C-alpha atoms as a PDB file:
ATOM      1  CA  UNK A   1       5.448  -8.891  66.795  1.00  0.00           C
ATOM      2  CA  UNK A   2       7.945 -10.487  64.444  1.00  0.00           C
ATOM      3  CA  UNK A   3       5.434 -13.191  63.540  1.00  0.00           C
ATOM      4  CA  UNK A   4       2.821 -10.575  62.657  1.00  0.00           C
ATOM      5  CA  UNK A   5       5.343  -8.607  60.588  1.00  0.00           C
ATOM      6  CA  UNK A   6       6.230 -11.688  58.531  1.00  0.00           C
ATOM      7  CA  UNK A   7       2.551 -12.491  58.012  1.00  0.00           C
ATOM      8  CA  UNK A   8       1.885  -9.019  56.696  1.00  0.00           C
ATOM      9  CA  UNK A   9       4.868  -9.137  54.353  1.00  0.00           C
ATOM     10  CA  UNK A  10       3.792 -12.393  52.659  1.00  0.00           C
ATOM     11  CA  UNK A  11       0.817 -10.848  50.747  1.00  0.00           C
ATOM     12  CA  UNK A  12       3.051  -7.968  49.639  1.00  0.00           C
ATOM     13  CA  UNK A  13       5.641 -10.435  48.308  1.00  0.00           C
ATOM     14  CA  UNK A  14       2.978 -12.337  46.337  1.00  0.00           C
ATOM     15  CA  UNK A  15       1.505  -9.118  44.951  1.00  0.00           C
ATOM     16  CA  UNK A  16       4.974  -7.931  43.871  1.00  0.00           C
ATOM     17  CA  UNK A  17       5.729 -11.293  42.258  1.00  0.00           C
ATOM     18  CA  UNK A  18       2.395 -11.245  40.389  1.00  0.00           C
ATOM     19  CA  UNK A  19       3.086  -7.720  39.129  1.00  0.00           C
ATOM     20  CA  UNK A  20       6.526  -8.775  37.836  1.00  0.00           C
ATOM     21  CA  UNK A  21       5.029 -11.784  36.017  1.00  0.00           C
ATOM     22  CA  UNK A  22       2.305  -9.654  34.424  1.00  0.00           C
ATOM     23  CA  UNK A  23       4.860  -7.094  33.275  1.00  0.00           C
ATOM     24  CA  UNK A  24       7.047  -9.840  31.795  1.00  0.00           C
ATOM     25  CA  UNK A  25       4.075 -11.320  29.940  1.00  0.00           C
ATOM     26  CA  UNK A  26       3.233  -7.885  28.516  1.00  0.00           C
ATOM     27  CA  UNK A  27       6.797  -7.418  27.260  1.00  0.00           C
ATOM     28  CA  UNK A  28       6.702 -10.831  25.566  1.00  0.00           C
ATOM     29  CA  UNK A  29       3.341 -10.001  23.937  1.00  0.00           C
ATOM     30  CA  UNK A  30       4.557  -6.652  22.615  1.00  0.00           C
ATOM     31  CA  UNK A  31       7.780  -8.177  21.324  1.00  0.00           C
ATOM     32  CA  UNK A  32       5.867 -10.936  19.548  1.00  0.00           C
ATOM     33  CA  UNK A  33       3.536  -8.399  17.943  1.00  0.00           C
ATOM     34  CA  UNK A  34       6.429  -6.254  16.756  1.00  0.00           C
ATOM     35  CA  UNK A  35       8.241  -9.252  15.317  1.00  0.00           C
ATOM     36  CA  UNK A  36       5.099 -10.399  13.550  1.00  0.00           C
ATOM     37  CA  UNK A  37       4.492  -7.005  11.994  1.00  0.00           C
ATOM     38  CA  UNK A  38       8.029  -7.052  10.590  1.00  0.00           C
ATOM     39  CA  UNK A  39       6.901  -9.508   7.916  1.00  0.00           C
ATOM     40  CA  UNK A  40       4.521  -7.626   5.587  1.00  0.00           C
ATOM     41  CA  UNK A  41       3.363 -10.918   4.100  1.00  0.00           C
ATOM     42  CA  UNK A  42       2.363 -12.553   7.363  1.00  0.00           C
ATOM     43  CA  UNK A  43      -1.320 -13.404   7.226  1.00  0.00           C
ATOM     44  CA  UNK A  44      -1.926 -10.982   4.380  1.00  0.00           C
ATOM     45  CA  UNK A  45      -4.213 -11.684   1.412  1.00  0.00           C
ATOM     46  CA  UNK A  46      -2.885 -13.149  -1.807  1.00  0.00           C
ATOM     47  CA  UNK A  47      -3.257 -11.916  -5.346  1.00  0.00           C
ATOM     48  CA  UNK A  48      -6.730 -11.477  -6.822  1.00  0.00           C
ATOM     49  CA  UNK A  49      -7.540 -13.966  -9.588  1.00  0.00           C
ATOM     50  CA  UNK A  50      -7.984 -11.531 -12.488  1.00  0.00           C
ATOM     51  CA  UNK A  51      -7.479 -11.996 -16.240  1.00  0.00           C
ATOM     52  CA  UNK A  52      -6.076  -8.547 -17.013  1.00  0.00           C
ATOM     53  CA  UNK A  53      -5.609  -9.146 -20.740  1.00  0.00           C
ATOM     54  CA  UNK A  54      -9.232 -10.053 -21.203  1.00  0.00           C
ATOM     55  CA  UNK A  55     -10.552  -7.346 -18.873  1.00  0.00           C
ATOM     56  CA  UNK A  56      -8.611  -4.518 -20.537  1.00  0.00           C
ATOM     57  CA  UNK A  57      -8.774  -5.731 -24.136  1.00  0.00           C
ATOM     58  CA  UNK A  58     -10.994  -2.806 -25.186  1.00  0.00           C
ATOM     59  CA  UNK A  59      -8.893  -0.007 -23.666  1.00  0.00           C
ATOM     60  CA  UNK A  60      -8.319   3.060 -25.901  1.00  0.00           C
ATOM     61  CA  UNK A  61      -4.815   3.454 -27.432  1.00  0.00           C
ATOM     62  CA  UNK A  62      -3.200   5.591 -24.698  1.00  0.00           C
ATOM     63  CA  UNK A  63      -4.388   3.252 -21.967  1.00  0.00           C
ATOM     64  CA  UNK A  64      -3.550   0.156 -24.006  1.00  0.00           C
ATOM     65  CA  UNK A  65       0.039   1.420 -24.382  1.00  0.00           C
ATOM     66  CA  UNK A  66       0.190   1.949 -20.622  1.00  0.00           C
ATOM     67  CA  UNK A  67      -1.092  -1.534 -19.848  1.00  0.00           C
ATOM     68  CA  UNK A  68       1.274  -3.107 -22.367  1.00  0.00           C
ATOM     69  CA  UNK A  69       3.924  -2.249 -19.756  1.00  0.00           C
ATOM     70  CA  UNK A  70       2.097  -3.952 -16.912  1.00  0.00           C
ATOM     71  CA  UNK A  71       4.344  -4.838 -13.950  1.00  0.00           C
ATOM     72  CA  UNK A  72       7.265  -2.875 -15.430  1.00  0.00           C
ATOM     73  CA  UNK A  73       9.366  -0.664 -13.159  1.00  0.00           C
ATOM     74  CA  UNK A  74      10.143   2.588 -14.982  1.00  0.00           C
ATOM     75  CA  UNK A  75      13.032   4.666 -13.588  1.00  0.00           C
ATOM     76  CA  UNK A  76      12.780   8.414 -13.269  1.00  0.00           C
ATOM     77  CA  UNK A  77      10.945   9.391 -10.085  1.00  0.00           C
ATOM     78  CA  UNK A  78       8.664  12.434 -10.122  1.00  0.00           C
ATOM     79  CA  UNK A  79       9.781  13.607 -13.586  1.00  0.00           C
ATOM     80  CA  UNK A  80       8.834  10.273 -15.119  1.00  0.00           C
ATOM     81  CA  UNK A  81       5.481  10.252 -13.338  1.00  0.00           C
ATOM     82  CA  UNK A  82       4.671  13.676 -14.808  1.00  0.00           C
ATOM     83  CA  UNK A  83       5.711  12.446 -18.260  1.00  0.00           C
ATOM     84  CA  UNK A  84       3.385   9.458 -17.893  1.00  0.00           C
ATOM     85  CA  UNK A  85       0.496  11.675 -16.809  1.00  0.00           C
ATOM     86  CA  UNK A  86       1.129  14.017 -19.746  1.00  0.00           C
ATOM     87  CA  UNK A  87       0.995  11.059 -22.149  1.00  0.00           C
ATOM     88  CA  UNK A  88      -2.354  10.120 -20.622  1.00  0.00           C
ATOM     89  CA  UNK A  89      -3.864  13.605 -20.965  1.00  0.00           C
ATOM     90  CA  UNK A  90      -7.545  13.193 -21.782  1.00  0.00           C
ATOM     91  CA  UNK A  91      -7.958  10.300 -19.361  1.00  0.00           C
ATOM     92  CA  UNK A  92      -8.358  10.567 -15.582  1.00  0.00           C
ATOM     93  CA  UNK A  93      -5.639   8.792 -13.632  1.00  0.00           C
ATOM     94  CA  UNK A  94      -5.175   7.009 -10.326  1.00  0.00           C
ATOM     95  CA  UNK A  95      -1.618   6.963  -8.942  1.00  0.00           C
ATOM     96  CA  UNK A  96      -0.934   4.498  -6.134  1.00  0.00           C
ATOM     97  CA  UNK A  97       2.273   4.982  -4.131  1.00  0.00           C
ATOM     98  CA  UNK A  98       3.535   1.758  -2.557  1.00  0.00           C
ATOM     99  CA  UNK A  99       6.621  -0.175  -1.456  1.00  0.00           C
ATOM    100  CA  UNK A 100       7.500  -3.836  -1.050  1.00  0.00           C
ATOM    101  CA  UNK A 101       8.245  -3.336   2.667  1.00  0.00           C
ATOM    102  CA  UNK A 102       4.820  -1.782   3.332  1.00  0.00           C
ATOM    103  CA  UNK A 103       2.387  -4.220   4.960  1.00  0.00           C
ATOM    104  CA  UNK A 104      -0.774  -2.132   4.322  1.00  0.00           C
ATOM    105  CA  UNK A 105       0.251  -1.870   0.649  1.00  0.00           C
ATOM    106  CA  UNK A 106       0.023  -5.645   0.357  1.00  0.00           C
ATOM    107  CA  UNK A 107      -3.414  -5.592   1.971  1.00  0.00           C
ATOM    108  CA  UNK A 108      -4.841  -3.129  -0.574  1.00  0.00           C
ATOM    109  CA  UNK A 109      -3.165  -4.540  -3.708  1.00  0.00           C
ATOM    110  CA  UNK A 110      -5.919  -7.128  -4.423  1.00  0.00           C
ATOM    111  CA  UNK A 111      -8.475  -4.287  -4.443  1.00  0.00           C
ATOM    112  CA  UNK A 112      -6.282  -2.304  -6.842  1.00  0.00           C
ATOM    113  CA  UNK A 113      -6.033  -5.381  -9.052  1.00  0.00           C
ATOM    114  CA  UNK A 114      -9.813  -5.830  -9.139  1.00  0.00           C
ATOM    115  CA  UNK A 115     -10.698  -2.171  -9.694  1.00  0.00           C
ATOM    116  CA  UNK A 116      -8.028  -1.641 -12.357  1.00  0.00           C
ATOM    117  CA  UNK A 117      -9.335  -4.684 -14.234  1.00  0.00           C
ATOM    118  CA  UNK A 118     -12.917  -3.461 -13.937  1.00  0.00           C
ATOM    119  CA  UNK A 119     -12.532   0.198 -14.959  1.00  0.00           C
ATOM    120  CA  UNK A 120      -9.000   0.436 -16.351  1.00  0.00           C
ATOM    121  CA  UNK A 121     -10.386   0.859 -19.874  1.00  0.00           C
ATOM    122  CA  UNK A 122     -11.760   4.249 -18.768  1.00  0.00           C
ATOM    123  CA  UNK A 123      -9.310   5.370 -16.073  1.00  0.00           C
ATOM    124  CA  UNK A 124      -5.518   5.114 -16.149  1.00  0.00           C
ATOM    125  CA  UNK A 125      -3.800   3.386 -13.245  1.00  0.00           C
ATOM    126  CA  UNK A 126      -0.118   3.965 -12.472  1.00  0.00           C
ATOM    127  CA  UNK A 127       1.991   2.813  -9.539  1.00  0.00           C
ATOM    128  CA  UNK A 128       4.897   4.537  -7.834  1.00  0.00           C
ATOM    129  CA  UNK A 129       7.362   2.295  -6.003  1.00  0.00           C
ATOM    130  CA  UNK A 130       8.698   4.571  -3.283  1.00  0.00           C
ATOM    131  CA  UNK A 131      11.997   4.328  -1.362  1.00  0.00           C
ATOM    132  CA  UNK A 132      12.461   0.717  -2.376  1.00  0.00           C
ATOM    133  CA  UNK A 133      14.916  -1.470  -4.249  1.00  0.00           C
ATOM    134  CA  UNK A 134      13.988  -2.748  -7.702  1.00  0.00           C
ATOM    135  CA  UNK A 135      14.820  -6.328  -6.697  1.00  0.00           C
ATOM    136  CA  UNK A 136      12.462  -6.236  -3.716  1.00  0.00           C
ATOM    137  CA  UNK A 137       9.767  -4.525  -5.787  1.00  0.00           C
ATOM    138  CA  UNK A 138       9.977  -7.152  -8.539  1.00  0.00           C
ATOM    139  CA  UNK A 139       9.641  -9.955  -6.001  1.00  0.00           C
ATOM    140  CA  UNK A 140       6.586  -8.212  -4.584  1.00  0.00           C
ATOM    141  CA  UNK A 141       5.063  -7.792  -8.062  1.00  0.00           C
ATOM    142  CA  UNK A 142       5.682 -11.463  -8.844  1.00  0.00           C
ATOM    143  CA  UNK A 143       3.389 -12.251  -5.918  1.00  0.00           C
ATOM    144  CA  UNK A 144       0.860  -9.485  -6.587  1.00  0.00           C
ATOM    145  CA  UNK A 145       1.014  -8.617 -10.304  1.00  0.00           C
ATOM    146  CA  UNK A 146      -0.499  -5.434 -11.689  1.00  0.00           C
ATOM    147  CA  UNK A 147      -1.830  -4.647 -15.179  1.00  0.00           C
ATOM    148  CA  UNK A 148      -0.084  -1.271 -15.094  1.00  0.00           C
ATOM    149  CA  UNK A 149       3.541  -0.156 -14.664  1.00  0.00           C
ATOM    150  CA  UNK A 150       5.072   1.542 -11.657  1.00  0.00           C
ATOM    151  CA  UNK A 151       7.509   4.434 -11.665  1.00  0.00           C
ATOM    152  CA  UNK A 152      10.569   3.675  -9.564  1.00  0.00           C
ATOM    153  CA  UNK A 153      11.076   6.492  -7.042  1.00  0.00           C
ATOM    154  CA  UNK A 154      13.918   5.425  -4.724  1.00  0.00           C
ATOM    155  CA  UNK A 155      14.413   8.924  -3.308  1.00  0.00           C
ATOM    156  CA  UNK A 156      10.738   9.425  -2.407  1.00  0.00           C
ATOM    157  CA  UNK A 157      10.258  12.477  -4.642  1.00  0.00           C
ATOM    158  CA  UNK A 158       6.615  11.639  -5.358  1.00  0.00           C
ATOM    159  CA  UNK A 159       6.023  10.851  -1.682  1.00  0.00           C
ATOM    160  CA  UNK A 160       7.233  14.366  -0.811  1.00  0.00           C
ATOM    161  CA  UNK A 161       5.397  16.044  -3.672  1.00  0.00           C
ATOM    162  CA  UNK A 162       2.070  14.523  -2.637  1.00  0.00           C
ATOM    163  CA  UNK A 163       2.793  15.333   1.026  1.00  0.00           C
ATOM    164  CA  UNK A 164       2.116  11.771   2.067  1.00  0.00           C
ATOM    165  CA  UNK A 165       2.332  10.951   5.760  1.00  0.00           C
ATOM    166  CA  UNK A 166       3.037   7.280   5.173  1.00  0.00           C
ATOM    167  CA  UNK A 167       2.464   4.452   2.714  1.00  0.00           C
ATOM    168  CA  UNK A 168       0.376   3.615   0.865  1.00  0.00           C
ATOM    169  CA  UNK A 169      -1.131   6.753  -0.615  1.00  0.00           C
ATOM    170  CA  UNK A 170      -3.302   7.255  -3.691  1.00  0.00           C
ATOM    171  CA  UNK A 171      -3.571  10.391  -5.829  1.00  0.00           C
ATOM    172  CA  UNK A 172      -6.416  11.160  -8.228  1.00  0.00           C
ATOM    173  CA  UNK A 173      -5.955  13.280 -11.355  1.00  0.00           C
ATOM    174  CA  UNK A 174      -8.678  14.530 -13.686  1.00  0.00           C
ATOM    175  CA  UNK A 175      -8.554  14.234 -17.476  1.00  0.00           C
ATOM    176  CA  UNK A 176      -6.653  17.548 -17.681  1.00  0.00           C
ATOM    177  CA  UNK A 177      -3.886  16.184 -15.464  1.00  0.00           C
ATOM    178  CA  UNK A 178      -4.890  18.271 -12.442  1.00  0.00           C
ATOM    179  CA  UNK A 179      -4.456  16.737  -9.007  1.00  0.00           C
ATOM    180  CA  UNK A 180      -7.889  16.452  -7.409  1.00  0.00           C
ATOM    181  CA  UNK A 181      -7.377  14.457  -4.224  1.00  0.00           C
ATOM    182  CA  UNK A 182      -4.792  12.530  -2.203  1.00  0.00           C
ATOM    183  CA  UNK A 183      -5.930   9.621  -0.095  1.00  0.00           C
ATOM    184  CA  UNK A 184      -3.669   9.025   2.892  1.00  0.00           C
ATOM    185  CA  UNK A 185      -3.385   5.385   3.906  1.00  0.00           C
ATOM    186  CA  UNK A 186      -4.730   2.141   2.478  1.00  0.00           C
ATOM    187  CA  UNK A 187      -8.084   1.267   0.999  1.00  0.00           C
ATOM    188  CA  UNK A 188      -9.888  -1.495   2.839  1.00  0.00           C
ATOM    189  CA  UNK A 189     -12.316  -2.449   0.079  1.00  0.00           C
ATOM    190  CA  UNK A 190     -12.693  -2.310  -3.688  1.00  0.00           C
ATOM    191  CA  UNK A 191     -15.967  -0.458  -3.149  1.00  0.00           C
ATOM    192  CA  UNK A 192     -14.285   2.415  -1.288  1.00  0.00           C
ATOM    193  CA  UNK A 193     -11.614   2.708  -3.970  1.00  0.00           C
ATOM    194  CA  UNK A 194     -14.220   2.686  -6.739  1.00  0.00           C
ATOM    195  CA  UNK A 195     -16.223   5.389  -4.965  1.00  0.00           C
ATOM    196  CA  UNK A 196     -13.176   7.663  -4.795  1.00  0.00           C
ATOM    197  CA  UNK A 197     -12.335   7.019  -8.451  1.00  0.00           C
ATOM    198  CA  UNK A 198     -15.859   8.090  -9.386  1.00  0.00           C
ATOM    199  CA  UNK A 199     -15.705  11.099  -7.058  1.00  0.00           C
ATOM    200  CA  UNK A 200     -12.284  12.453  -7.927  1.00  0.00           C
ATOM    201  CA  UNK A 201     -11.186  11.015 -11.256  1.00  0.00           C
ATOM    202  CA  UNK A 202     -14.402  11.345 -13.224  1.00  0.00           C
END
């Protein structure tokens, strides 16, 4: 009887041990994934190779003045963004809200670089650096430069105003300065971004 009892317990012991090992492996896998996602630059694409000066050389005066401040961080939050949009009245505008700590922002930046270079002489592009430090943002922009400036918004005023659910987010304004559409989340291709520019900022 005792012999049979021990024989029956052996498979249960092995099954329990296997379950513990599987659970431990799952914990290690999840931990590794979380640690990897903590570095927004890990495995992400680099800067697009774009000659912004040449691409935007024919921009009209208001857009040329905007692009003369490419890569600048302009303080002022939501008030400054509205001032920028007012100065661009007569031109549709694309406002991309990003942060240096945002992994998906890094993924979509090369598409923003390409599209801004391609159609920035017709459509204004402006960034908003949200809930970030200027030092971190400048390091990010050194790696992924933009032809247009970004408004520094450390308190997330623009994020709240646009009712974003996360970063990045992109807002489209018509030539009269009216908000037409807010895209939640990142763009995954230059083609999708271009399609929305044509749809909402025409």
